[in-house]
Full PDB file with SEQRES, HELIX, SHEET, SSBOND, CRYST1, ORIGX, SCALE, CONECT and MASTER records, all heavy atoms in Angstrom:
SEQRES   1 A   42  VAL ALA VAL GLU GLN THR ALA LEU GLU ALA ILE GLU ASP          
SEQRES   2 A   42  ALA GLY VAL THR VAL ASP MET SER CYS GLU MET GLY ILE          
SEQRES   3 A   42  CYS GLY ALA CYS LEU THR PRO VAL ILE ASP GLY VAL PRO          
SEQRES   4 A   42  ASP HIS ARG                                                  
HELIX    1 AA1 ALA A    7  ASP A   13  1                                   7    
CRYST1    1.000    1.000    1.000  90.00  90.00  90.00 P 1           1          
ORIGX1      1.000000  0.000000  0.000000        0.00000                         
ORIGX2      0.000000  1.000000  0.000000        0.00000                         
ORIGX3      0.000000  0.000000  1.000000        0.00000                         
SCALE1      1.000000  0.000000  0.000000        0.00000                         
SCALE2      0.000000  1.000000  0.000000        0.00000                         
SCALE3      0.000000  0.000000  1.000000        0.00000                         
ATOM      1  N   VAL A   1     -45.120 -57.589 -22.141  1.00  0.00           N  
ATOM      2  CA  VAL A   1     -45.825 -56.958 -23.275  1.00  0.00           C  
ATOM      3  C   VAL A   1     -45.380 -55.510 -23.341  1.00  0.00           C  
ATOM      4  O   VAL A   1     -45.630 -54.724 -22.431  1.00  0.00           O  
ATOM      5  CB  VAL A   1     -47.350 -57.032 -23.086  1.00  0.00           C  
ATOM      6  CG1 VAL A   1     -48.047 -56.409 -24.307  1.00  0.00           C  
ATOM      7  CG2 VAL A   1     -47.826 -58.478 -22.893  1.00  0.00           C  
ATOM      8  N   ALA A   2     -44.686 -55.149 -24.418  1.00  0.00           N  
ATOM      9  CA  ALA A   2     -44.170 -53.782 -24.571  1.00  0.00           C  
ATOM     10  C   ALA A   2     -45.302 -52.828 -24.970  1.00  0.00           C  
ATOM     11  O   ALA A   2     -46.380 -53.227 -25.364  1.00  0.00           O  
ATOM     12  CB  ALA A   2     -43.075 -53.771 -25.653  1.00  0.00           C  
ATOM     13  N   VAL A   3     -44.983 -51.543 -24.847  1.00  0.00           N  
ATOM     14  CA  VAL A   3     -45.998 -50.512 -25.172  1.00  0.00           C  
ATOM     15  C   VAL A   3     -46.469 -50.629 -26.603  1.00  0.00           C  
ATOM     16  O   VAL A   3     -47.669 -50.481 -26.892  1.00  0.00           O  
ATOM     17  CB  VAL A   3     -45.396 -49.103 -24.923  1.00  0.00           C  
ATOM     18  CG1 VAL A   3     -46.339 -48.008 -25.459  1.00  0.00           C  
ATOM     19  CG2 VAL A   3     -45.149 -48.897 -23.445  1.00  0.00           C  
ATOM     20  N   GLU A   4     -45.551 -50.922 -27.528  1.00  0.00           N  
ATOM     21  CA  GLU A   4     -45.915 -50.951 -28.945  1.00  0.00           C  
ATOM     22  C   GLU A   4     -46.472 -52.306 -29.384  1.00  0.00           C  
ATOM     23  O   GLU A   4     -46.815 -52.470 -30.558  1.00  0.00           O  
ATOM     24  CB  GLU A   4     -44.688 -50.609 -29.805  1.00  0.00           C  
ATOM     25  CG  GLU A   4     -43.557 -51.620 -29.774  1.00  0.00           C  
ATOM     26  CD  GLU A   4     -42.620 -51.480 -28.589  1.00  0.00           C  
ATOM     27  OE1 GLU A   4     -42.889 -50.593 -27.704  1.00  0.00           O  
ATOM     28  OE2 GLU A   4     -41.611 -52.191 -28.571  1.00  0.00           O  
ATOM     29  N   GLN A   5     -46.576 -53.257 -28.460  1.00  0.00           N  
ATOM     30  CA  GLN A   5     -47.102 -54.588 -28.786  1.00  0.00           C  
ATOM     31  C   GLN A   5     -48.556 -54.740 -28.307  1.00  0.00           C  
ATOM     32  O   GLN A   5     -48.961 -54.127 -27.330  1.00  0.00           O  
ATOM     33  CB  GLN A   5     -46.291 -55.663 -28.055  1.00  0.00           C  
ATOM     34  CG  GLN A   5     -45.053 -56.166 -28.738  1.00  0.00           C  
ATOM     35  CD  GLN A   5     -44.437 -57.271 -27.915  1.00  0.00           C  
ATOM     36  OE1 GLN A   5     -44.232 -57.144 -26.701  1.00  0.00           O  
ATOM     37  NE2 GLN A   5     -44.108 -58.364 -28.585  1.00  0.00           N  
ATOM     38  N   THR A   6     -49.289 -55.645 -28.961  1.00  0.00           N  
ATOM     39  CA  THR A   6     -50.535 -56.137 -28.378  1.00  0.00           C  
ATOM     40  C   THR A   6     -50.203 -57.351 -27.558  1.00  0.00           C  
ATOM     41  O   THR A   6     -49.173 -57.995 -27.756  1.00  0.00           O  
ATOM     42  CB  THR A   6     -51.569 -56.484 -29.465  1.00  0.00           C  
ATOM     43  OG1 THR A   6     -51.088 -57.629 -30.202  1.00  0.00           O  
ATOM     44  CG2 THR A   6     -51.813 -55.318 -30.391  1.00  0.00           C  
ATOM     45  N   ALA A   7     -51.092 -57.682 -26.649  1.00  0.00           N  
ATOM     46  CA  ALA A   7     -50.900 -58.920 -25.872  1.00  0.00           C  
ATOM     47  C   ALA A   7     -50.841 -60.121 -26.775  1.00  0.00           C  
ATOM     48  O   ALA A   7     -50.048 -61.066 -26.536  1.00  0.00           O  
ATOM     49  CB  ALA A   7     -52.038 -59.066 -24.833  1.00  0.00           C  
ATOM     50  N   LEU A   8     -51.677 -60.123 -27.824  1.00  0.00           N  
ATOM     51  CA  LEU A   8     -51.688 -61.244 -28.764  1.00  0.00           C  
ATOM     52  C   LEU A   8     -50.362 -61.400 -29.472  1.00  0.00           C  
ATOM     53  O   LEU A   8     -49.843 -62.515 -29.653  1.00  0.00           O  
ATOM     54  CB  LEU A   8     -52.813 -61.052 -29.778  1.00  0.00           C  
ATOM     55  CG  LEU A   8     -53.016 -62.144 -30.813  1.00  0.00           C  
ATOM     56  CD1 LEU A   8     -53.361 -63.468 -30.132  1.00  0.00           C  
ATOM     57  CD2 LEU A   8     -54.110 -61.749 -31.815  1.00  0.00           C  
ATOM     58  N   GLU A   9     -49.763 -60.293 -29.887  1.00  0.00           N  
ATOM     59  CA  GLU A   9     -48.451 -60.362 -30.541  1.00  0.00           C  
ATOM     60  C   GLU A   9     -47.392 -60.924 -29.627  1.00  0.00           C  
ATOM     61  O   GLU A   9     -46.567 -61.736 -30.025  1.00  0.00           O  
ATOM     62  CB  GLU A   9     -48.055 -58.964 -31.021  1.00  0.00           C  
ATOM     63  CG  GLU A   9     -48.888 -58.459 -32.209  1.00  0.00           C  
ATOM     64  CD  GLU A   9     -48.643 -57.001 -32.523  1.00  0.00           C  
ATOM     65  OE1 GLU A   9     -48.119 -56.275 -31.639  1.00  0.00           O  
ATOM     66  OE2 GLU A   9     -48.972 -56.577 -33.643  1.00  0.00           O  
ATOM     67  N   ALA A  10     -47.416 -60.511 -28.360  1.00  0.00           N  
ATOM     68  CA  ALA A  10     -46.446 -61.007 -27.379  1.00  0.00           C  
ATOM     69  C   ALA A  10     -46.633 -62.502 -27.143  1.00  0.00           C  
ATOM     70  O   ALA A  10     -45.633 -63.235 -27.024  1.00  0.00           O  
ATOM     71  CB  ALA A  10     -46.601 -60.225 -26.077  1.00  0.00           C  
ATOM     72  N   ILE A  11     -47.876 -62.932 -27.059  1.00  0.00           N  
ATOM     73  CA  ILE A  11     -48.166 -64.366 -26.853  1.00  0.00           C  
ATOM     74  C   ILE A  11     -47.653 -65.172 -28.053  1.00  0.00           C  
ATOM     75  O   ILE A  11     -47.028 -66.228 -27.867  1.00  0.00           O  
ATOM     76  CB  ILE A  11     -49.677 -64.578 -26.629  1.00  0.00           C  
ATOM     77  CG1 ILE A  11     -50.113 -63.945 -25.306  1.00  0.00           C  
ATOM     78  CG2 ILE A  11     -50.024 -66.055 -26.656  1.00  0.00           C  
ATOM     79  CD1 ILE A  11     -51.612 -63.871 -25.146  1.00  0.00           C  
ATOM     80  N   GLU A  12     -47.952 -64.689 -29.233  1.00  0.00           N  
ATOM     81  CA  GLU A  12     -47.483 -65.418 -30.444  1.00  0.00           C  
ATOM     82  C   GLU A  12     -45.976 -65.426 -30.542  1.00  0.00           C  
ATOM     83  O   GLU A  12     -45.364 -66.438 -30.954  1.00  0.00           O  
ATOM     84  CB  GLU A  12     -48.102 -64.770 -31.707  1.00  0.00           C  
ATOM     85  CG  GLU A  12     -49.585 -65.026 -31.813  1.00  0.00           C  
ATOM     86  CD  GLU A  12     -50.131 -64.475 -33.102  1.00  0.00           C  
ATOM     87  OE1 GLU A  12     -49.668 -63.369 -33.549  1.00  0.00           O  
ATOM     88  OE2 GLU A  12     -51.036 -65.119 -33.683  1.00  0.00           O  
ATOM     89  N   ASP A  13     -45.303 -64.314 -30.172  1.00  0.00           N  
ATOM     90  CA  ASP A  13     -43.855 -64.280 -30.176  1.00  0.00           C  
ATOM     91  C   ASP A  13     -43.241 -65.314 -29.229  1.00  0.00           C  
ATOM     92  O   ASP A  13     -42.109 -65.762 -29.464  1.00  0.00           O  
ATOM     93  CB  ASP A  13     -43.347 -62.872 -29.827  1.00  0.00           C  
ATOM     94  CG  ASP A  13     -43.595 -61.847 -30.943  1.00  0.00           C  
ATOM     95  OD1 ASP A  13     -43.912 -62.283 -32.054  1.00  0.00           O  
ATOM     96  OD2 ASP A  13     -43.475 -60.648 -30.685  1.00  0.00           O  
ATOM     97  N   ALA A  14     -43.998 -65.642 -28.194  1.00  0.00           N  
ATOM     98  CA  ALA A  14     -43.536 -66.637 -27.230  1.00  0.00           C  
ATOM     99  C   ALA A  14     -43.795 -68.070 -27.711  1.00  0.00           C  
ATOM    100  O   ALA A  14     -43.466 -69.024 -27.006  1.00  0.00           O  
ATOM    101  CB  ALA A  14     -44.187 -66.422 -25.873  1.00  0.00           C  
ATOM    102  N   GLY A  15     -44.400 -68.218 -28.886  1.00  0.00           N  
ATOM    103  CA  GLY A  15     -44.639 -69.540 -29.465  1.00  0.00           C  
ATOM    104  C   GLY A  15     -45.927 -70.202 -29.056  1.00  0.00           C  
ATOM    105  O   GLY A  15     -46.120 -71.397 -29.275  1.00  0.00           O  
ATOM    106  N   VAL A  16     -46.856 -69.422 -28.471  1.00  0.00           N  
ATOM    107  CA  VAL A  16     -48.147 -69.942 -28.050  1.00  0.00           C  
ATOM    108  C   VAL A  16     -49.208 -69.526 -29.069  1.00  0.00           C  
ATOM    109  O   VAL A  16     -49.302 -68.350 -29.406  1.00  0.00           O  
ATOM    110  CB  VAL A  16     -48.519 -69.476 -26.645  1.00  0.00           C  
ATOM    111  CG1 VAL A  16     -49.890 -70.007 -26.242  1.00  0.00           C  
ATOM    112  CG2 VAL A  16     -47.466 -69.905 -25.632  1.00  0.00           C  
ATOM    113  N   THR A  17     -49.993 -70.478 -29.520  1.00  0.00           N  
ATOM    114  CA  THR A  17     -51.019 -70.207 -30.522  1.00  0.00           C  
ATOM    115  C   THR A  17     -52.349 -69.870 -29.861  1.00  0.00           C  
ATOM    116  O   THR A  17     -52.815 -70.554 -28.949  1.00  0.00           O  
ATOM    117  CB  THR A  17     -51.201 -71.417 -31.449  1.00  0.00           C  
ATOM    118  OG1 THR A  17     -49.972 -71.707 -32.096  1.00  0.00           O  
ATOM    119  CG2 THR A  17     -52.267 -71.118 -32.503  1.00  0.00           C  
ATOM    120  N   VAL A  18     -52.971 -68.812 -30.326  1.00  0.00           N  
ATOM    121  CA  VAL A  18     -54.299 -68.392 -29.842  1.00  0.00           C  
ATOM    122  C   VAL A  18     -55.228 -68.295 -31.042  1.00  0.00           C  
ATOM    123  O   VAL A  18     -54.840 -67.740 -32.084  1.00  0.00           O  
ATOM    124  CB  VAL A  18     -54.232 -67.015 -29.142  1.00  0.00           C  
ATOM    125  CG1 VAL A  18     -55.628 -66.577 -28.683  1.00  0.00           C  
ATOM    126  CG2 VAL A  18     -53.285 -67.061 -27.950  1.00  0.00           C  
ATOM    127  N   ASP A  19     -56.433 -68.846 -30.951  1.00  0.00           N  
ATOM    128  CA  ASP A  19     -57.417 -68.664 -31.993  1.00  0.00           C  
ATOM    129  C   ASP A  19     -57.658 -67.182 -32.199  1.00  0.00           C  
ATOM    130  O   ASP A  19     -57.834 -66.419 -31.244  1.00  0.00           O  
ATOM    131  CB  ASP A  19     -58.725 -69.339 -31.661  1.00  0.00           C  
ATOM    132  CG  ASP A  19     -58.638 -70.848 -31.746  1.00  0.00           C  
ATOM    133  OD1 ASP A  19     -57.739 -71.336 -32.441  1.00  0.00           O  
ATOM    134  OD2 ASP A  19     -59.488 -71.546 -31.133  1.00  0.00           O  
ATOM    135  N   MET A  20     -57.673 -66.754 -33.447  1.00  0.00           N  
ATOM    136  CA  MET A  20     -57.935 -65.341 -33.714  1.00  0.00           C  
ATOM    137  C   MET A  20     -58.629 -65.204 -35.059  1.00  0.00           C  
ATOM    138  O   MET A  20     -58.601 -66.110 -35.870  1.00  0.00           O  
ATOM    139  CB  MET A  20     -56.640 -64.548 -33.689  1.00  0.00           C  
ATOM    140  CG  MET A  20     -55.638 -64.924 -34.782  1.00  0.00           C  
ATOM    141  SD  MET A  20     -54.226 -63.840 -34.781  1.00  0.00           S  
ATOM    142  CE  MET A  20     -53.304 -64.564 -36.136  1.00  0.00           C  
ATOM    143  N   SER A  21     -59.192 -64.027 -35.279  1.00  0.00           N  
ATOM    144  CA  SER A  21     -59.867 -63.787 -36.550  1.00  0.00           C  
ATOM    145  C   SER A  21     -59.724 -62.318 -36.958  1.00  0.00           C  
ATOM    146  O   SER A  21     -58.890 -61.972 -37.753  1.00  0.00           O  
ATOM    147  CB  SER A  21     -61.350 -64.191 -36.458  1.00  0.00           C  
ATOM    148  OG  SER A  21     -61.974 -64.013 -37.706  1.00  0.00           O  
ATOM    149  N   CYS A  22     -60.514 -61.444 -36.344  1.00  0.00           N  
ATOM    150  CA  CYS A  22     -60.546 -60.074 -36.820  1.00  0.00           C  
ATOM    151  C   CYS A  22     -59.363 -59.217 -36.390  1.00  0.00           C  
ATOM    152  O   CYS A  22     -58.993 -58.277 -37.066  1.00  0.00           O  
ATOM    153  CB  CYS A  22     -61.850 -59.387 -36.339  1.00  0.00           C  
ATOM    154  SG  CYS A  22     -61.871 -59.001 -34.547  1.00  0.00           S  
ATOM    155  N   GLU A  23     -58.747 -59.549 -35.229  1.00  0.00           N  
ATOM    156  CA  GLU A  23     -57.631 -58.800 -34.649  1.00  0.00           C  
ATOM    157  C   GLU A  23     -58.009 -57.347 -34.364  1.00  0.00           C  
ATOM    158  O   GLU A  23     -57.143 -56.466 -34.234  1.00  0.00           O  
ATOM    159  CB  GLU A  23     -56.407 -58.829 -35.544  1.00  0.00           C  
ATOM    160  CG  GLU A  23     -55.860 -60.214 -35.800  1.00  0.00           C  
ATOM    161  CD  GLU A  23     -54.636 -60.227 -36.679  1.00  0.00           C  
ATOM    162  OE1 GLU A  23     -53.594 -59.724 -36.234  1.00  0.00           O  
ATOM    163  OE2 GLU A  23     -54.750 -60.721 -37.838  1.00  0.00           O  
ATOM    164  N   MET A  24     -59.319 -57.065 -34.204  1.00  0.00           N  
ATOM    165  CA  MET A  24     -59.769 -55.687 -33.962  1.00  0.00           C  
ATOM    166  C   MET A  24     -60.733 -55.595 -32.783  1.00  0.00           C  
ATOM    167  O   MET A  24     -61.313 -54.567 -32.536  1.00  0.00           O  
ATOM    168  CB  MET A  24     -60.448 -55.158 -35.216  1.00  0.00           C  
ATOM    169  CG  MET A  24     -59.540 -54.975 -36.368  1.00  0.00           C  
ATOM    170  SD  MET A  24     -60.350 -54.221 -37.837  1.00  0.00           S  
ATOM    171  CE  MET A  24     -61.427 -55.543 -38.362  1.00  0.00           C  
ATOM    172  N   GLY A  25     -60.924 -56.738 -32.048  1.00  0.00           N  
ATOM    173  CA  GLY A  25     -61.793 -56.656 -30.880  1.00  0.00           C  
ATOM    174  C   GLY A  25     -63.268 -56.732 -31.168  1.00  0.00           C  
ATOM    175  O   GLY A  25     -64.075 -56.256 -30.399  1.00  0.00           O  
ATOM    176  N   ILE A  26     -63.620 -57.346 -32.299  1.00  0.00           N  
ATOM    177  CA  ILE A  26     -65.019 -57.420 -32.687  1.00  0.00           C  
ATOM    178  C   ILE A  26     -65.608 -58.801 -32.553  1.00  0.00           C  
ATOM    179  O   ILE A  26     -66.694 -58.996 -32.031  1.00  0.00           O  
ATOM    180  CB  ILE A  26     -65.228 -56.956 -34.144  1.00  0.00           C  
ATOM    181  CG1 ILE A  26     -64.736 -55.517 -34.309  1.00  0.00           C  
ATOM    182  CG2 ILE A  26     -66.665 -57.060 -34.560  1.00  0.00           C  
ATOM    183  CD1 ILE A  26     -64.664 -55.085 -35.764  1.00  0.00           C  
ATOM    184  N   CYS A  27     -64.830 -59.814 -33.020  1.00  0.00           N  
ATOM    185  CA  CYS A  27     -65.432 -61.152 -33.200  1.00  0.00           C  
ATOM    186  C   CYS A  27     -65.398 -62.034 -31.980  1.00  0.00           C  
ATOM    187  O   CYS A  27     -66.204 -62.964 -31.851  1.00  0.00           O  
ATOM    188  CB  CYS A  27     -64.747 -61.847 -34.351  1.00  0.00           C  
ATOM    189  SG  CYS A  27     -63.027 -62.351 -34.004  1.00  0.00           S  
ATOM    190  N   GLY A  28     -64.485 -61.809 -31.040  1.00  0.00           N  
ATOM    191  CA  GLY A  28     -64.405 -62.652 -29.837  1.00  0.00           C  
ATOM    192  C   GLY A  28     -63.678 -63.950 -30.024  1.00  0.00           C  
ATOM    193  O   GLY A  28     -63.610 -64.766 -29.092  1.00  0.00           O  
ATOM    194  N   ALA A  29     -63.070 -64.184 -31.203  1.00  0.00           N  
ATOM    195  CA  ALA A  29     -62.404 -65.460 -31.449  1.00  0.00           C  
ATOM    196  C   ALA A  29     -61.226 -65.692 -30.504  1.00  0.00           C  
ATOM    197  O   ALA A  29     -60.949 -66.827 -30.111  1.00  0.00           O  
ATOM    198  CB  ALA A  29     -61.909 -65.526 -32.912  1.00  0.00           C  
ATOM    199  N   CYS A  30     -60.550 -64.631 -30.118  1.00  0.00           N  
ATOM    200  CA  CYS A  30     -59.348 -64.769 -29.261  1.00  0.00           C  
ATOM    201  C   CYS A  30     -59.661 -64.638 -27.773  1.00  0.00           C  
ATOM    202  O   CYS A  30     -58.750 -64.570 -26.937  1.00  0.00           O  
ATOM    203  CB  CYS A  30     -58.296 -63.758 -29.649  1.00  0.00           C  
ATOM    204  SG  CYS A  30     -58.754 -62.031 -29.307  1.00  0.00           S  
ATOM    205  N   LEU A  31     -60.947 -64.610 -27.412  1.00  0.00           N  
ATOM    206  CA  LEU A  31     -61.346 -64.413 -26.015  1.00  0.00           C  
ATOM    207  C   LEU A  31     -60.647 -65.422 -25.091  1.00  0.00           C  
ATOM    208  O   LEU A  31     -60.703 -66.628 -25.333  1.00  0.00           O  
ATOM    209  CB  LEU A  31     -62.875 -64.580 -25.889  1.00  0.00           C  
ATOM    210  CG  LEU A  31     -63.524 -63.998 -24.620  1.00  0.00           C  
ATOM    211  CD1 LEU A  31     -63.336 -62.488 -24.562  1.00  0.00           C  
ATOM    212  CD2 LEU A  31     -65.023 -64.335 -24.641  1.00  0.00           C  
ATOM    213  N   THR A  32     -59.976 -64.937 -24.059  1.00  0.00           N  
ATOM    214  CA  THR A  32     -59.135 -65.753 -23.208  1.00  0.00           C  
ATOM    215  C   THR A  32     -59.519 -65.563 -21.730  1.00  0.00           C  
ATOM    216  O   THR A  32     -59.683 -64.417 -21.277  1.00  0.00           O  
ATOM    217  CB  THR A  32     -57.671 -65.353 -23.414  1.00  0.00           C  
ATOM    218  OG1 THR A  32     -57.322 -65.513 -24.787  1.00  0.00           O  
ATOM    219  CG2 THR A  32     -56.735 -66.212 -22.559  1.00  0.00           C  
ATOM    220  N   PRO A  33     -59.632 -66.658 -20.954  1.00  0.00           N  
ATOM    221  CA  PRO A  33     -59.993 -66.520 -19.527  1.00  0.00           C  
ATOM    222  C   PRO A  33     -58.868 -65.816 -18.749  1.00  0.00           C  
ATOM    223  O   PRO A  33     -57.694 -66.018 -18.992  1.00  0.00           O  
ATOM    224  CB  PRO A  33     -60.136 -67.973 -19.066  1.00  0.00           C  
ATOM    225  CG  PRO A  33     -60.388 -68.742 -20.305  1.00  0.00           C  
ATOM    226  CD  PRO A  33     -59.602 -68.051 -21.396  1.00  0.00           C  
ATOM    227  N   VAL A  34     -59.274 -64.957 -17.822  1.00  0.00           N  
ATOM    228  CA  VAL A  34     -58.364 -64.248 -16.930  1.00  0.00           C  
ATOM    229  C   VAL A  34     -58.482 -64.868 -15.545  1.00  0.00           C  
ATOM    230  O   VAL A  34     -59.571 -64.953 -14.991  1.00  0.00           O  
ATOM    231  CB  VAL A  34     -58.670 -62.739 -16.894  1.00  0.00           C  
ATOM    232  CG1 VAL A  34     -57.839 -62.054 -15.839  1.00  0.00           C  
ATOM    233  CG2 VAL A  34     -58.409 -62.117 -18.248  1.00  0.00           C  
ATOM    234  N   ILE A  35     -57.354 -65.245 -14.963  1.00  0.00           N  
ATOM    235  CA  ILE A  35     -57.336 -65.852 -13.637  1.00  0.00           C  
ATOM    236  C   ILE A  35     -57.105 -64.811 -12.530  1.00  0.00           C  
ATOM    237  O   ILE A  35     -57.738 -64.836 -11.487  1.00  0.00           O  
ATOM    238  CB  ILE A  35     -56.222 -66.930 -13.555  1.00  0.00           C  
ATOM    239  CG1 ILE A  35     -56.540 -68.054 -14.554  1.00  0.00           C  
ATOM    240  CG2 ILE A  35     -56.101 -67.502 -12.139  1.00  0.00           C  
ATOM    241  CD1 ILE A  35     -55.399 -69.052 -14.729  1.00  0.00           C  
ATOM    242  N   ASP A  36     -56.239 -63.845 -12.829  1.00  0.00           N  
ATOM    243  CA  ASP A  36     -55.966 -62.807 -11.825  1.00  0.00           C  
ATOM    244  C   ASP A  36     -55.487 -61.542 -12.540  1.00  0.00           C  
ATOM    245  O   ASP A  36     -54.861 -61.609 -13.607  1.00  0.00           O  
ATOM    246  CB  ASP A  36     -54.911 -63.284 -10.839  1.00  0.00           C  
ATOM    247  CG  ASP A  36     -54.788 -62.338  -9.625  1.00  0.00           C  
ATOM    248  OD1 ASP A  36     -55.838 -61.987  -9.064  1.00  0.00           O  
ATOM    249  OD2 ASP A  36     -53.683 -61.985  -9.257  1.00  0.00           O  
ATOM    250  N   GLY A  37     -55.779 -60.397 -11.947  1.00  0.00           N  
ATOM    251  CA  GLY A  37     -55.451 -59.123 -12.565  1.00  0.00           C  
ATOM    252  C   GLY A  37     -56.685 -58.473 -13.140  1.00  0.00           C  
ATOM    253  O   GLY A  37     -57.753 -59.079 -13.229  1.00  0.00           O  
ATOM    254  N   VAL A  38     -56.529 -57.218 -13.565  1.00  0.00           N  
ATOM    255  CA  VAL A  38     -57.653 -56.464 -14.096  1.00  0.00           C  
ATOM    256  C   VAL A  38     -57.360 -56.061 -15.552  1.00  0.00           C  
ATOM    257  O   VAL A  38     -56.456 -55.261 -15.783  1.00  0.00           O  
ATOM    258  CB  VAL A  38     -57.933 -55.197 -13.256  1.00  0.00           C  
ATOM    259  CG1 VAL A  38     -59.125 -54.431 -13.815  1.00  0.00           C  
ATOM    260  CG2 VAL A  38     -58.171 -55.560 -11.800  1.00  0.00           C  
ATOM    261  N   PRO A  39     -58.113 -56.591 -16.497  1.00  0.00           N  
ATOM    262  CA  PRO A  39     -57.876 -56.242 -17.907  1.00  0.00           C  
ATOM    263  C   PRO A  39     -58.304 -54.807 -18.178  1.00  0.00           C  
ATOM    264  O   PRO A  39     -59.202 -54.243 -17.538  1.00  0.00           O  
ATOM    265  CB  PRO A  39     -58.783 -57.217 -18.676  1.00  0.00           C  
ATOM    266  CG  PRO A  39     -59.143 -58.279 -17.699  1.00  0.00           C  
ATOM    267  CD  PRO A  39     -59.136 -57.641 -16.361  1.00  0.00           C  
ATOM    268  N   ASP A  40     -57.669 -54.211 -19.172  1.00  0.00           N  
ATOM    269  CA  ASP A  40     -58.073 -52.909 -19.714  1.00  0.00           C  
ATOM    270  C   ASP A  40     -58.847 -53.234 -20.995  1.00  0.00           C  
ATOM    271  O   ASP A  40     -58.301 -53.359 -22.087  1.00  0.00           O  
ATOM    272  CB  ASP A  40     -56.838 -52.069 -20.027  1.00  0.00           C  
ATOM    273  CG  ASP A  40     -57.206 -50.688 -20.605  1.00  0.00           C  
ATOM    274  OD1 ASP A  40     -58.423 -50.378 -20.674  1.00  0.00           O  
ATOM    275  OD2 ASP A  40     -56.277 -49.980 -20.995  1.00  0.00           O  
ATOM    276  N   HIS A  41     -60.165 -53.410 -20.864  1.00  0.00           N  
ATOM    277  CA  HIS A  41     -60.996 -53.853 -21.987  1.00  0.00           C  
ATOM    278  C   HIS A  41     -61.113 -52.801 -23.047  1.00  0.00           C  
ATOM    279  O   HIS A  41     -61.557 -51.672 -22.784  1.00  0.00           O  
ATOM    280  CB  HIS A  41     -62.399 -54.221 -21.460  1.00  0.00           C  
ATOM    281  CG  HIS A  41     -62.413 -55.342 -20.506  1.00  0.00           C  
ATOM    282  ND1 HIS A  41     -62.168 -56.656 -20.861  1.00  0.00           N  
ATOM    283  CD2 HIS A  41     -62.639 -55.373 -19.155  1.00  0.00           C  
ATOM    284  CE1 HIS A  41     -62.244 -57.436 -19.799  1.00  0.00           C  
ATOM    285  NE2 HIS A  41     -62.532 -56.676 -18.757  1.00  0.00           N  
ATOM    286  N   ARG A  42     -60.749 -53.158 -24.296  1.00  0.00           N  
ATOM    287  CA  ARG A  42     -60.803 -52.227 -25.406  1.00  0.00           C  
ATOM    288  C   ARG A  42     -61.562 -52.803 -26.591  1.00  0.00           C  
ATOM    289  O   ARG A  42     -61.453 -52.321 -27.708  1.00  0.00           O  
ATOM    290  CB  ARG A  42     -59.415 -51.804 -25.832  1.00  0.00           C  
ATOM    291  CG  ARG A  42     -58.621 -51.173 -24.702  1.00  0.00           C  
ATOM    292  CD  ARG A  42     -57.278 -50.659 -25.172  1.00  0.00           C  
ATOM    293  NE  ARG A  42     -56.535 -50.061 -24.060  1.00  0.00           N  
ATOM    294  CZ  ARG A  42     -55.362 -49.430 -24.206  1.00  0.00           C  
ATOM    295  NH1 ARG A  42     -54.840 -49.299 -25.404  1.00  0.00           N  
ATOM    296  NH2 ARG A  42     -54.751 -48.922 -23.152  1.00  0.00           N  
TER     297      ARG A  42                                                      
MASTER        0    0    0    1    0    0    0    6  296    1    0    4          
END                                                                             
């Protein structure tokens, strides 16, 4: 995931589909389970 990319953009570029709606961090449609690592919640 590059600096100028969102994680969602990188995932989509890799051909993986994620449910999404607002793309602004409000609706929770794209909420994805994390197995390991620490997210930077925004």
